[in-house]
C-alpha cells in the first residue's frame, strides 16, 4: 500500500487495513438493527452517486464495510473519498473525534 494511502487511512477514524488484501475496513455500531439498516440505505445512496460498490456485512446492530477497487487491483483514491463520505453520515461515536 502506498504512503499516501496509508496517510489517508490514518486520517479516517476507525478505518484499518484489511489483513488479507489491499483494502480498508471499518465496523460501525448502532443502537438497533433498524438504525443499522437505515445507515446502509444512506450508504446505498452514496454508492449510486459514486459508482463505488463496497463489500458490507450486517449483523444486528453492526455494519462492517470493506473498500477496495477490483479494477485498480486494490485500494484507490475513490475508496478513500468513499470512506470520508460514509463517515460523514455515521453515528457520532464512529466519526473522527474533533480535536
C-alpha atoms as a PDB file:
ATOM      1  CA  UNK A   1       0.000   0.000   0.000  1.00  0.00           C
ATOM      2  CA  UNK A   2       1.386   3.410  -0.960  1.00  0.00           C
ATOM      3  CA  UNK A   3       2.470   6.002   1.603  1.00  0.00           C
ATOM      4  CA  UNK A   4      -0.239   8.462   0.519  1.00  0.00           C
ATOM      5  CA  UNK A   5      -2.955   5.871   1.046  1.00  0.00           C
ATOM      6  CA  UNK A   6      -1.569   4.894   4.453  1.00  0.00           C
ATOM      7  CA  UNK A   7      -1.593   8.562   5.484  1.00  0.00           C
ATOM      8  CA  UNK A   8      -5.157   8.963   4.212  1.00  0.00           C
ATOM      9  CA  UNK A   9      -6.304   5.949   6.223  1.00  0.00           C
ATOM     10  CA  UNK A  10      -4.743   7.301   9.401  1.00  0.00           C
ATOM     11  CA  UNK A  11      -6.837  10.456   8.968  1.00  0.00           C
ATOM     12  CA  UNK A  12     -10.023   8.362   8.991  1.00  0.00           C
ATOM     13  CA  UNK A  13     -11.172   7.387  12.486  1.00  0.00           C
ATOM     14  CA  UNK A  14     -11.614   3.635  12.849  1.00  0.00           C
ATOM     15  CA  UNK A  15     -10.563   2.586   9.348  1.00  0.00           C
ATOM     16  CA  UNK A  16      -7.840  -0.059   9.305  1.00  0.00           C
ATOM     17  CA  UNK A  17      -6.005  -2.026   6.659  1.00  0.00           C
ATOM     18  CA  UNK A  18      -7.595  -5.367   5.839  1.00  0.00           C
ATOM     19  CA  UNK A  19      -5.179  -8.087   6.897  1.00  0.00           C
ATOM     20  CA  UNK A  20      -5.505 -10.312   3.873  1.00  0.00           C
ATOM     21  CA  UNK A  21      -5.559  -7.892   0.922  1.00  0.00           C
ATOM     22  CA  UNK A  22      -5.153  -4.340  -0.380  1.00  0.00           C
ATOM     23  CA  UNK A  23      -8.298  -2.915   1.220  1.00  0.00           C
ATOM     24  CA  UNK A  24      -9.530  -0.991   4.249  1.00  0.00           C
ATOM     25  CA  UNK A  25     -12.310  -1.888   6.650  1.00  0.00           C
ATOM     26  CA  UNK A  26     -14.376  -0.369   9.419  1.00  0.00           C
ATOM     27  CA  UNK A  27     -17.116  -1.575  11.735  1.00  0.00           C
ATOM     28  CA  UNK A  28     -19.921   0.840  12.603  1.00  0.00           C
ATOM     29  CA  UNK A  29     -22.100   0.387  15.687  1.00  0.00           C
ATOM     30  CA  UNK A  30     -25.773   1.232  16.135  1.00  0.00           C
ATOM     31  CA  UNK A  31     -28.387   1.006  18.855  1.00  0.00           C
ATOM     32  CA  UNK A  32     -30.710  -1.265  16.885  1.00  0.00           C
ATOM     33  CA  UNK A  33     -30.990  -3.274  13.714  1.00  0.00           C
ATOM     34  CA  UNK A  34     -33.282  -0.609  12.238  1.00  0.00           C
ATOM     35  CA  UNK A  35     -30.636   2.090  12.775  1.00  0.00           C
ATOM     36  CA  UNK A  36     -28.040  -0.124  11.085  1.00  0.00           C
ATOM     37  CA  UNK A  37     -30.393  -0.766   8.172  1.00  0.00           C
ATOM     38  CA  UNK A  38     -31.137   2.957   7.829  1.00  0.00           C
ATOM     39  CA  UNK A  39     -27.393   3.666   7.681  1.00  0.00           C
ATOM     40  CA  UNK A  40     -26.958   1.031   4.981  1.00  0.00           C
ATOM     41  CA  UNK A  41     -29.757   2.700   2.995  1.00  0.00           C
ATOM     42  CA  UNK A  42     -27.957   6.042   3.224  1.00  0.00           C
ATOM     43  CA  UNK A  43     -24.703   4.406   2.125  1.00  0.00           C
ATOM     44  CA  UNK A  44     -26.570   2.895  -0.841  1.00  0.00           C
ATOM     45  CA  UNK A  45     -27.393   6.444  -1.997  1.00  0.00           C
ATOM     46  CA  UNK A  46     -23.668   7.286  -1.929  1.00  0.00           C
ATOM     47  CA  UNK A  47     -22.984   4.122  -3.920  1.00  0.00           C
ATOM     48  CA  UNK A  48     -25.471   5.295  -6.544  1.00  0.00           C
ATOM     49  CA  UNK A  49     -23.753   8.673  -6.876  1.00  0.00           C
ATOM     50  CA  UNK A  50     -20.154   7.456  -6.849  1.00  0.00           C
ATOM     51  CA  UNK A  51     -20.490   4.110  -8.580  1.00  0.00           C
ATOM     52  CA  UNK A  52     -18.288   2.559  -5.909  1.00  0.00           C
ATOM     53  CA  UNK A  53     -19.502  -0.791  -4.586  1.00  0.00           C
ATOM     54  CA  UNK A  54     -18.372  -1.657  -1.071  1.00  0.00           C
ATOM     55  CA  UNK A  55     -18.391  -5.078   0.443  1.00  0.00           C
ATOM     56  CA  UNK A  56     -20.501  -4.968   3.565  1.00  0.00           C
ATOM     57  CA  UNK A  57     -21.819  -7.222   6.246  1.00  0.00           C
ATOM     58  CA  UNK A  58     -24.608  -6.604   8.702  1.00  0.00           C
ATOM     59  CA  UNK A  59     -25.252  -8.497  11.912  1.00  0.00           C
ATOM     60  CA  UNK A  60     -27.948  -6.979  14.091  1.00  0.00           C
ATOM     61  CA  UNK A  61     -26.577  -3.544  15.132  1.00  0.00           C
ATOM     62  CA  UNK A  62     -23.185  -3.707  13.397  1.00  0.00           C
ATOM     63  CA  UNK A  63     -22.241  -2.871   9.825  1.00  0.00           C
ATOM     64  CA  UNK A  64     -18.787  -3.751   8.515  1.00  0.00           C
ATOM     65  CA  UNK A  65     -17.656  -2.042   5.315  1.00  0.00           C
ATOM     66  CA  UNK A  66     -14.655  -3.146   3.258  1.00  0.00           C
ATOM     67  CA  UNK A  67     -13.382  -0.876   0.500  1.00  0.00           C
ATOM     68  CA  UNK A  68     -11.191  -1.859  -2.420  1.00  0.00           C
ATOM     69  CA  UNK A  69     -11.358  -1.256  -6.161  1.00  0.00           C
ATOM     70  CA  UNK A  70     -11.103  -4.545  -8.005  1.00  0.00           C
ATOM     71  CA  UNK A  71     -10.402  -2.849 -11.364  1.00  0.00           C
ATOM     72  CA  UNK A  72      -7.474  -0.971  -9.809  1.00  0.00           C
ATOM     73  CA  UNK A  73      -6.116  -4.059  -8.092  1.00  0.00           C
ATOM     74  CA  UNK A  74      -6.685  -2.667  -4.600  1.00  0.00           C
ATOM     75  CA  UNK A  75      -7.364   0.454  -2.623  1.00  0.00           C
ATOM     76  CA  UNK A  76      -7.901   3.603  -4.695  1.00  0.00           C
ATOM     77  CA  UNK A  77      -8.327   7.313  -4.020  1.00  0.00           C
ATOM     78  CA  UNK A  78     -12.033   6.854  -4.763  1.00  0.00           C
ATOM     79  CA  UNK A  79     -12.196   4.364  -1.888  1.00  0.00           C
ATOM     80  CA  UNK A  80     -10.655   6.972   0.434  1.00  0.00           C
ATOM     81  CA  UNK A  81     -13.233   9.563  -0.727  1.00  0.00           C
ATOM     82  CA  UNK A  82     -15.988   6.990  -0.231  1.00  0.00           C
ATOM     83  CA  UNK A  83     -14.789   6.308   3.336  1.00  0.00           C
ATOM     84  CA  UNK A  84     -14.911  10.042   4.059  1.00  0.00           C
ATOM     85  CA  UNK A  85     -18.492  10.365   2.787  1.00  0.00           C
ATOM     86  CA  UNK A  86     -19.651   7.334   4.750  1.00  0.00           C
ATOM     87  CA  UNK A  87     -18.049   8.679   7.921  1.00  0.00           C
ATOM     88  CA  UNK A  88     -19.995  11.934   7.492  1.00  0.00           C
ATOM     89  CA  UNK A  89     -23.296  10.069   7.941  1.00  0.00           C
ATOM     90  CA  UNK A  90     -22.055   7.649  10.609  1.00  0.00           C
ATOM     91  CA  UNK A  91     -23.168   7.826  14.247  1.00  0.00           C
ATOM     92  CA  UNK A  92     -21.182  10.346  16.262  1.00  0.00           C
ATOM     93  CA  UNK A  93     -19.361   7.597  18.182  1.00  0.00           C
ATOM     94  CA  UNK A  94     -17.978   6.206  14.909  1.00  0.00           C
ATOM     95  CA  UNK A  95     -16.830   9.523  13.437  1.00  0.00           C
ATOM     96  CA  UNK A  96     -13.425  11.079  13.741  1.00  0.00           C
ATOM     97  CA  UNK A  97     -13.012  12.782  17.103  1.00  0.00           C
ATOM     98  CA  UNK A  98     -12.966  16.562  16.895  1.00  0.00           C
ATOM     99  CA  UNK A  99      -9.559  17.927  18.048  1.00  0.00           C
END
